[in-house]
């Protein structure tokens, strides 16, 4: 058969994996974490940090790997903080669609912001 059509994202990622500049397991972690997006339930506070580490954190680590980065711990902290900031910015829209926290959210939102600031300070 014919070769598959070119893909603007998958093609360059495949080259990075083939050349050893990106670990495919990092991309698998993003895919696994994003499965939560298909779940219609509101996010439980305990689910959010692993979700953000697996999505924003893993994506930032993939970018760092591709550019030769080696400090995974610092990148993971920065990625979590970035993901938390984006999630908090999206919180009103998520809440409107019942995709944010179930139940009262003041304390979990404050805790997430504090965790993100602490992670960023350590990154």
C-alpha atoms as a PDB file:
ATOM      1  CA  UNK A   1       0.000   0.000   0.000  1.00  0.00           C
ATOM      2  CA  UNK A   2       0.750   3.638  -0.107  1.00  0.00           C
ATOM      3  CA  UNK A   3       2.631   5.308   2.734  1.00  0.00           C
ATOM      4  CA  UNK A   4       0.441   7.062   5.279  1.00  0.00           C
ATOM      5  CA  UNK A   5      -0.174  10.747   4.661  1.00  0.00           C
ATOM      6  CA  UNK A   6       2.241  13.182   6.271  1.00  0.00           C
ATOM      7  CA  UNK A   7       1.164  14.552   9.624  1.00  0.00           C
ATOM      8  CA  UNK A   8       2.365  17.935  10.829  1.00  0.00           C
ATOM      9  CA  UNK A   9       2.861  16.804  14.433  1.00  0.00           C
ATOM     10  CA  UNK A  10       3.299  13.034  14.389  1.00  0.00           C
ATOM     11  CA  UNK A  11       6.006  13.173  11.732  1.00  0.00           C
ATOM     12  CA  UNK A  12       8.376  15.487  13.618  1.00  0.00           C
ATOM     13  CA  UNK A  13       7.702  13.658  16.898  1.00  0.00           C
ATOM     14  CA  UNK A  14       8.542  10.344  15.229  1.00  0.00           C
ATOM     15  CA  UNK A  15      11.852  11.803  14.050  1.00  0.00           C
ATOM     16  CA  UNK A  16      12.682  12.976  17.588  1.00  0.00           C
ATOM     17  CA  UNK A  17      11.860   9.531  19.003  1.00  0.00           C
ATOM     18  CA  UNK A  18      13.831   7.775  16.254  1.00  0.00           C
ATOM     19  CA  UNK A  19      16.844  10.032  16.854  1.00  0.00           C
ATOM     20  CA  UNK A  20      16.762   9.415  20.612  1.00  0.00           C
ATOM     21  CA  UNK A  21      15.943  13.024  21.467  1.00  0.00           C
ATOM     22  CA  UNK A  22      12.518  12.168  22.910  1.00  0.00           C
ATOM     23  CA  UNK A  23      11.406   9.169  24.944  1.00  0.00           C
ATOM     24  CA  UNK A  24       8.163   7.739  23.552  1.00  0.00           C
ATOM     25  CA  UNK A  25       7.116   6.895  27.132  1.00  0.00           C
ATOM     26  CA  UNK A  26       6.764  10.635  27.757  1.00  0.00           C
ATOM     27  CA  UNK A  27       4.216  10.893  24.961  1.00  0.00           C
ATOM     28  CA  UNK A  28       2.450   7.769  26.230  1.00  0.00           C
ATOM     29  CA  UNK A  29       2.136   9.448  29.650  1.00  0.00           C
ATOM     30  CA  UNK A  30       0.416  12.438  28.054  1.00  0.00           C
ATOM     31  CA  UNK A  31      -2.020  10.189  26.211  1.00  0.00           C
ATOM     32  CA  UNK A  32      -2.796   8.229  29.371  1.00  0.00           C
ATOM     33  CA  UNK A  33      -3.374  11.380  31.429  1.00  0.00           C
ATOM     34  CA  UNK A  34      -5.611  12.885  28.754  1.00  0.00           C
ATOM     35  CA  UNK A  35      -7.966   9.903  29.040  1.00  0.00           C
ATOM     36  CA  UNK A  36      -9.418  11.768  32.025  1.00  0.00           C
ATOM     37  CA  UNK A  37     -10.751  14.372  29.582  1.00  0.00           C
ATOM     38  CA  UNK A  38     -13.218  11.799  28.268  1.00  0.00           C
ATOM     39  CA  UNK A  39     -14.658  11.245  31.752  1.00  0.00           C
ATOM     40  CA  UNK A  40     -17.769  13.418  32.190  1.00  0.00           C
ATOM     41  CA  UNK A  41     -17.482  13.502  35.992  1.00  0.00           C
ATOM     42  CA  UNK A  42     -16.242  16.655  37.709  1.00  0.00           C
ATOM     43  CA  UNK A  43     -12.595  16.499  38.746  1.00  0.00           C
ATOM     44  CA  UNK A  44     -11.907  15.374  42.296  1.00  0.00           C
ATOM     45  CA  UNK A  45      -9.210  17.441  44.020  1.00  0.00           C
ATOM     46  CA  UNK A  46      -6.967  14.379  44.384  1.00  0.00           C
ATOM     47  CA  UNK A  47      -7.124  13.689  40.655  1.00  0.00           C
ATOM     48  CA  UNK A  48      -5.951  17.097  39.533  1.00  0.00           C
ATOM     49  CA  UNK A  49      -2.238  17.071  40.364  1.00  0.00           C
ATOM     50  CA  UNK A  50      -1.550  13.728  38.627  1.00  0.00           C
ATOM     51  CA  UNK A  51      -3.600  14.982  35.656  1.00  0.00           C
ATOM     52  CA  UNK A  52      -1.621  18.219  35.417  1.00  0.00           C
ATOM     53  CA  UNK A  53       1.710  16.434  35.874  1.00  0.00           C
ATOM     54  CA  UNK A  54       0.753  13.958  33.156  1.00  0.00           C
ATOM     55  CA  UNK A  55      -0.474  16.585  30.724  1.00  0.00           C
ATOM     56  CA  UNK A  56       1.268  19.953  31.085  1.00  0.00           C
ATOM     57  CA  UNK A  57       4.224  18.510  32.990  1.00  0.00           C
ATOM     58  CA  UNK A  58       4.867  15.715  30.516  1.00  0.00           C
ATOM     59  CA  UNK A  59       4.454  18.020  27.517  1.00  0.00           C
ATOM     60  CA  UNK A  60       6.987  20.464  28.932  1.00  0.00           C
ATOM     61  CA  UNK A  61       9.350  17.569  29.637  1.00  0.00           C
ATOM     62  CA  UNK A  62       8.932  16.348  26.038  1.00  0.00           C
ATOM     63  CA  UNK A  63       9.888  19.808  24.779  1.00  0.00           C
ATOM     64  CA  UNK A  64      12.848  19.964  27.162  1.00  0.00           C
ATOM     65  CA  UNK A  65      14.035  16.508  26.063  1.00  0.00           C
ATOM     66  CA  UNK A  66      13.840  17.487  22.415  1.00  0.00           C
ATOM     67  CA  UNK A  67      15.999  20.528  23.175  1.00  0.00           C
ATOM     68  CA  UNK A  68      18.539  18.534  25.202  1.00  0.00           C
ATOM     69  CA  UNK A  69      17.170  19.238  28.678  1.00  0.00           C
ATOM     70  CA  UNK A  70      18.205  16.908  31.471  1.00  0.00           C
ATOM     71  CA  UNK A  71      16.710  18.283  34.717  1.00  0.00           C
ATOM     72  CA  UNK A  72      13.454  16.372  34.725  1.00  0.00           C
ATOM     73  CA  UNK A  73      12.544  17.314  38.301  1.00  0.00           C
ATOM     74  CA  UNK A  74      12.781  21.056  37.636  1.00  0.00           C
ATOM     75  CA  UNK A  75      10.897  20.765  34.353  1.00  0.00           C
ATOM     76  CA  UNK A  76       8.166  18.660  35.990  1.00  0.00           C
ATOM     77  CA  UNK A  77       7.667  21.293  38.692  1.00  0.00           C
ATOM     78  CA  UNK A  78       7.527  24.108  36.149  1.00  0.00           C
ATOM     79  CA  UNK A  79       5.138  22.082  33.980  1.00  0.00           C
ATOM     80  CA  UNK A  80       2.827  21.373  36.891  1.00  0.00           C
ATOM     81  CA  UNK A  81       2.811  25.071  37.817  1.00  0.00           C
ATOM     82  CA  UNK A  82       2.069  26.087  34.217  1.00  0.00           C
ATOM     83  CA  UNK A  83      -0.695  23.503  33.969  1.00  0.00           C
ATOM     84  CA  UNK A  84      -2.205  24.640  37.249  1.00  0.00           C
ATOM     85  CA  UNK A  85      -2.177  28.265  36.091  1.00  0.00           C
ATOM     86  CA  UNK A  86      -3.925  27.327  32.843  1.00  0.00           C
ATOM     87  CA  UNK A  87      -6.467  25.179  34.692  1.00  0.00           C
ATOM     88  CA  UNK A  88      -7.203  27.970  37.155  1.00  0.00           C
ATOM     89  CA  UNK A  89      -7.691  30.431  34.283  1.00  0.00           C
ATOM     90  CA  UNK A  90     -10.118  27.976  32.696  1.00  0.00           C
ATOM     91  CA  UNK A  91     -11.876  27.258  36.003  1.00  0.00           C
ATOM     92  CA  UNK A  92     -14.957  29.467  35.385  1.00  0.00           C
ATOM     93  CA  UNK A  93     -15.653  27.783  32.051  1.00  0.00           C
ATOM     94  CA  UNK A  94     -14.957  24.340  33.510  1.00  0.00           C
ATOM     95  CA  UNK A  95     -17.325  25.056  36.400  1.00  0.00           C
ATOM     96  CA  UNK A  96     -20.042  26.224  34.000  1.00  0.00           C
ATOM     97  CA  UNK A  97     -19.757  22.859  32.203  1.00  0.00           C
ATOM     98  CA  UNK A  98     -19.576  20.931  35.509  1.00  0.00           C
ATOM     99  CA  UNK A  99     -16.023  19.817  34.675  1.00  0.00           C
ATOM    100  CA  UNK A 100     -14.279  21.551  37.593  1.00  0.00           C
ATOM    101  CA  UNK A 101     -14.363  20.315  41.177  1.00  0.00           C
ATOM    102  CA  UNK A 102     -17.401  18.533  42.545  1.00  0.00           C
ATOM    103  CA  UNK A 103     -18.815  20.347  45.560  1.00  0.00           C
ATOM    104  CA  UNK A 104     -17.440  23.465  47.248  1.00  0.00           C
ATOM    105  CA  UNK A 105     -14.233  24.522  45.530  1.00  0.00           C
ATOM    106  CA  UNK A 106     -12.786  27.444  47.485  1.00  0.00           C
ATOM    107  CA  UNK A 107     -10.315  25.392  49.501  1.00  0.00           C
ATOM    108  CA  UNK A 108      -9.183  23.049  46.675  1.00  0.00           C
ATOM    109  CA  UNK A 109      -8.638  26.050  44.380  1.00  0.00           C
ATOM    110  CA  UNK A 110      -6.567  27.858  47.031  1.00  0.00           C
ATOM    111  CA  UNK A 111      -4.594  24.675  47.711  1.00  0.00           C
ATOM    112  CA  UNK A 112      -3.883  24.167  44.005  1.00  0.00           C
ATOM    113  CA  UNK A 113      -2.662  27.748  43.633  1.00  0.00           C
ATOM    114  CA  UNK A 114      -0.401  27.360  46.677  1.00  0.00           C
ATOM    115  CA  UNK A 115       0.999  24.042  45.404  1.00  0.00           C
ATOM    116  CA  UNK A 116       1.678  25.565  41.988  1.00  0.00           C
ATOM    117  CA  UNK A 117       3.469  28.577  43.455  1.00  0.00           C
ATOM    118  CA  UNK A 118       5.592  26.310  45.659  1.00  0.00           C
ATOM    119  CA  UNK A 119       6.460  24.060  42.703  1.00  0.00           C
ATOM    120  CA  UNK A 120       7.424  27.049  40.577  1.00  0.00           C
ATOM    121  CA  UNK A 121       9.658  28.388  43.359  1.00  0.00           C
ATOM    122  CA  UNK A 122      11.485  25.032  43.427  1.00  0.00           C
ATOM    123  CA  UNK A 123      11.776  24.642  39.653  1.00  0.00           C
END
